[in-house]
Amino acid sequence: MEPLPERPLTLTEIQEYVAQMEIERGFSDSTLIEQALKLAEETGEVCKAVRKRASLSVDPISTVGALGEELADVLIYLASLANREGIDLNRALRDKEQVNATRTWN
């Protein structure tokens, strides 16, 4: 697998990279449910990393990664879920923002 380029990636490029990475690493057979549960786990790890950065208590036997690493894991699992369902994250974001633009924010 080619290393990621040293330039900003589009959402499409991220989704394509994750799809290829999952094939090469043997994760492509994981189900939607498995990937959703892993996304939830990684989201919890993001929360732990935020707690650590904010100097809040964290379970001393818990391994806490750097916030950037945990956010990257969330992005990978998000792309994985979207890929399994044929969702173009670029389009999904644009569509959702059209809805959000019509909402009143208080």
C-alpha atoms as a PDB file:
ATOM      1  CA  MET A   1       0.000   0.000   0.000  1.00  0.00           C
ATOM      2  CA  GLU A   2       1.275   3.436  -0.897  1.00  0.00           C
ATOM      3  CA  PRO A   3       1.932   5.753   2.041  1.00  0.00           C
ATOM      4  CA  LEU A   4      -0.421   8.669   2.443  1.00  0.00           C
ATOM      5  CA  PRO A   5       0.734  11.803   0.613  1.00  0.00           C
ATOM      6  CA  GLU A   6       1.981  14.763   2.655  1.00  0.00           C
ATOM      7  CA  ARG A   7      -0.859  17.014   1.515  1.00  0.00           C
ATOM      8  CA  PRO A   8      -4.398  17.484   2.769  1.00  0.00           C
ATOM      9  CA  LEU A   9      -6.689  14.638   1.699  1.00  0.00           C
ATOM     10  CA  THR A  10     -10.266  14.904   0.503  1.00  0.00           C
ATOM     11  CA  LEU A  11     -12.973  12.882   2.174  1.00  0.00           C
ATOM     12  CA  THR A  12     -13.152  10.790  -0.997  1.00  0.00           C
ATOM     13  CA  GLU A  13      -9.432  10.054  -0.806  1.00  0.00           C
ATOM     14  CA  ILE A  14      -9.775   9.085   2.851  1.00  0.00           C
ATOM     15  CA  GLN A  15     -12.633   6.719   2.064  1.00  0.00           C
ATOM     16  CA  GLU A  16     -10.668   5.169  -0.800  1.00  0.00           C
ATOM     17  CA  TYR A  17      -7.575   4.764   1.384  1.00  0.00           C
ATOM     18  CA  VAL A  18      -9.568   3.117   4.191  1.00  0.00           C
ATOM     19  CA  ALA A  19     -11.220   0.724   1.737  1.00  0.00           C
ATOM     20  CA  GLN A  20      -7.830  -0.350   0.367  1.00  0.00           C
ATOM     21  CA  MET A  21      -6.274  -0.505   3.839  1.00  0.00           C
ATOM     22  CA  GLU A  22      -9.048  -2.785   5.099  1.00  0.00           C
ATOM     23  CA  ILE A  23      -8.536  -5.168   2.183  1.00  0.00           C
ATOM     24  CA  GLU A  24      -4.774  -5.292   2.657  1.00  0.00           C
ATOM     25  CA  ARG A  25      -4.992  -5.745   6.441  1.00  0.00           C
ATOM     26  CA  GLY A  26      -7.790  -8.314   6.339  1.00  0.00           C
ATOM     27  CA  PHE A  27     -10.515  -6.165   7.894  1.00  0.00           C
ATOM     28  CA  SER A  28     -12.847  -5.928   4.902  1.00  0.00           C
ATOM     29  CA  ASP A  29     -15.043  -8.795   6.118  1.00  0.00           C
ATOM     30  CA  SER A  30     -15.967  -7.009   9.357  1.00  0.00           C
ATOM     31  CA  THR A  31     -19.685  -6.337   9.522  1.00  0.00           C
ATOM     32  CA  LEU A  32     -21.388  -2.985   9.791  1.00  0.00           C
ATOM     33  CA  ILE A  33     -22.286  -3.796  13.405  1.00  0.00           C
ATOM     34  CA  GLU A  34     -18.685  -4.724  14.263  1.00  0.00           C
ATOM     35  CA  GLN A  35     -17.384  -1.512  12.742  1.00  0.00           C
ATOM     36  CA  ALA A  36     -20.046   0.598  14.479  1.00  0.00           C
ATOM     37  CA  LEU A  37     -19.113  -0.908  17.835  1.00  0.00           C
ATOM     38  CA  LYS A  38     -15.423  -0.241  17.153  1.00  0.00           C
ATOM     39  CA  LEU A  39     -16.295   3.365  16.260  1.00  0.00           C
ATOM     40  CA  ALA A  40     -18.076   3.720  19.608  1.00  0.00           C
ATOM     41  CA  GLU A  41     -15.048   2.277  21.409  1.00  0.00           C
ATOM     42  CA  GLU A  42     -12.714   4.684  19.637  1.00  0.00           C
ATOM     43  CA  THR A  43     -15.025   7.586  20.483  1.00  0.00           C
ATOM     44  CA  GLY A  44     -14.655   6.592  24.129  1.00  0.00           C
ATOM     45  CA  GLU A  45     -10.890   6.690  23.695  1.00  0.00           C
ATOM     46  CA  VAL A  46     -11.195  10.223  22.295  1.00  0.00           C
ATOM     47  CA  CYS A  47     -13.081  11.178  25.457  1.00  0.00           C
ATOM     48  CA  LYS A  48     -10.332   9.648  27.612  1.00  0.00           C
ATOM     49  CA  ALA A  49      -7.704  11.610  25.697  1.00  0.00           C
ATOM     50  CA  VAL A  50      -9.687  14.822  26.201  1.00  0.00           C
ATOM     51  CA  ARG A  51      -9.995  14.066  29.922  1.00  0.00           C
ATOM     52  CA  LYS A  52      -6.241  13.547  30.105  1.00  0.00           C
ATOM     53  CA  ARG A  53      -5.530  16.824  28.250  1.00  0.00           C
ATOM     54  CA  ALA A  54      -7.894  18.656  30.602  1.00  0.00           C
ATOM     55  CA  SER A  55      -6.075  17.139  33.598  1.00  0.00           C
ATOM     56  CA  LEU A  56      -9.197  15.285  34.695  1.00  0.00           C
ATOM     57  CA  SER A  57      -8.919  11.906  36.330  1.00  0.00           C
ATOM     58  CA  VAL A  58      -8.425   8.910  34.072  1.00  0.00           C
ATOM     59  CA  ASP A  59      -8.304   5.287  35.185  1.00  0.00           C
ATOM     60  CA  PRO A  60      -4.617   4.781  36.013  1.00  0.00           C
ATOM     61  CA  ILE A  61      -4.533   1.313  34.443  1.00  0.00           C
ATOM     62  CA  SER A  62      -6.219   2.552  31.266  1.00  0.00           C
ATOM     63  CA  THR A  63      -4.067   3.184  28.218  1.00  0.00           C
ATOM     64  CA  VAL A  64      -4.751   6.628  26.827  1.00  0.00           C
ATOM     65  CA  GLY A  65      -3.427   7.522  23.392  1.00  0.00           C
ATOM     66  CA  ALA A  66      -2.729  10.988  22.077  1.00  0.00           C
ATOM     67  CA  LEU A  67      -5.828  12.907  21.031  1.00  0.00           C
ATOM     68  CA  GLY A  68      -4.705  13.086  17.389  1.00  0.00           C
ATOM     69  CA  GLU A  69      -4.215   9.327  17.215  1.00  0.00           C
ATOM     70  CA  GLU A  70      -7.636   8.655  18.704  1.00  0.00           C
ATOM     71  CA  LEU A  71      -9.322  11.133  16.356  1.00  0.00           C
ATOM     72  CA  ALA A  72      -7.602   9.419  13.419  1.00  0.00           C
ATOM     73  CA  ASP A  73      -9.011   6.075  14.594  1.00  0.00           C
ATOM     74  CA  VAL A  74     -12.502   7.604  14.702  1.00  0.00           C
ATOM     75  CA  LEU A  75     -12.041   8.934  11.166  1.00  0.00           C
ATOM     76  CA  ILE A  76     -10.928   5.507   9.936  1.00  0.00           C
ATOM     77  CA  TYR A  77     -13.962   3.756  11.436  1.00  0.00           C
ATOM     78  CA  LEU A  78     -16.299   6.498  10.191  1.00  0.00           C
ATOM     79  CA  ALA A  79     -14.983   6.031   6.660  1.00  0.00           C
ATOM     80  CA  SER A  80     -15.248   2.264   7.082  1.00  0.00           C
ATOM     81  CA  LEU A  81     -18.923   2.498   8.019  1.00  0.00           C
ATOM     82  CA  ALA A  82     -19.664   4.869   5.152  1.00  0.00           C
ATOM     83  CA  ASN A  83     -17.888   2.551   2.714  1.00  0.00           C
ATOM     84  CA  ARG A  84     -19.900  -0.464   3.839  1.00  0.00           C
ATOM     85  CA  GLU A  85     -23.129   1.404   3.184  1.00  0.00           C
ATOM     86  CA  GLY A  86     -22.039   3.099  -0.048  1.00  0.00           C
ATOM     87  CA  ILE A  87     -22.257   6.543   1.527  1.00  0.00           C
ATOM     88  CA  ASP A  88     -20.210   9.337  -0.027  1.00  0.00           C
ATOM     89  CA  LEU A  89     -19.172  11.415   2.984  1.00  0.00           C
ATOM     90  CA  ASN A  90     -18.664  14.480   0.778  1.00  0.00           C
ATOM     91  CA  ARG A  91     -22.266  14.311  -0.359  1.00  0.00           C
ATOM     92  CA  ALA A  92     -23.580  13.399   3.094  1.00  0.00           C
ATOM     93  CA  LEU A  93     -21.864  16.435   4.629  1.00  0.00           C
ATOM     94  CA  ARG A  94     -23.186  18.777   1.954  1.00  0.00           C
ATOM     95  CA  ASP A  95     -26.720  17.387   2.239  1.00  0.00           C
ATOM     96  CA  LYS A  96     -26.690  17.646   6.035  1.00  0.00           C
ATOM     97  CA  GLU A  97     -25.395  21.213   5.946  1.00  0.00           C
ATOM     98  CA  GLN A  98     -28.259  22.168   3.611  1.00  0.00           C
ATOM     99  CA  VAL A  99     -30.653  20.890   6.276  1.00  0.00           C
ATOM    100  CA  ASN A 100     -28.708  22.600   9.055  1.00  0.00           C
ATOM    101  CA  ALA A 101     -28.761  25.919   7.191  1.00  0.00           C
ATOM    102  CA  THR A 102     -32.543  25.984   7.528  1.00  0.00           C
ATOM    103  CA  ARG A 103     -32.506  25.349  11.284  1.00  0.00           C
ATOM    104  CA  THR A 104     -32.676  27.956  13.989  1.00  0.00           C
ATOM    105  CA  TRP A 105     -29.774  27.706  16.420  1.00  0.00           C
ATOM    106  CA  ASN A 106     -30.342  28.974  19.940  1.00  0.00           C
END
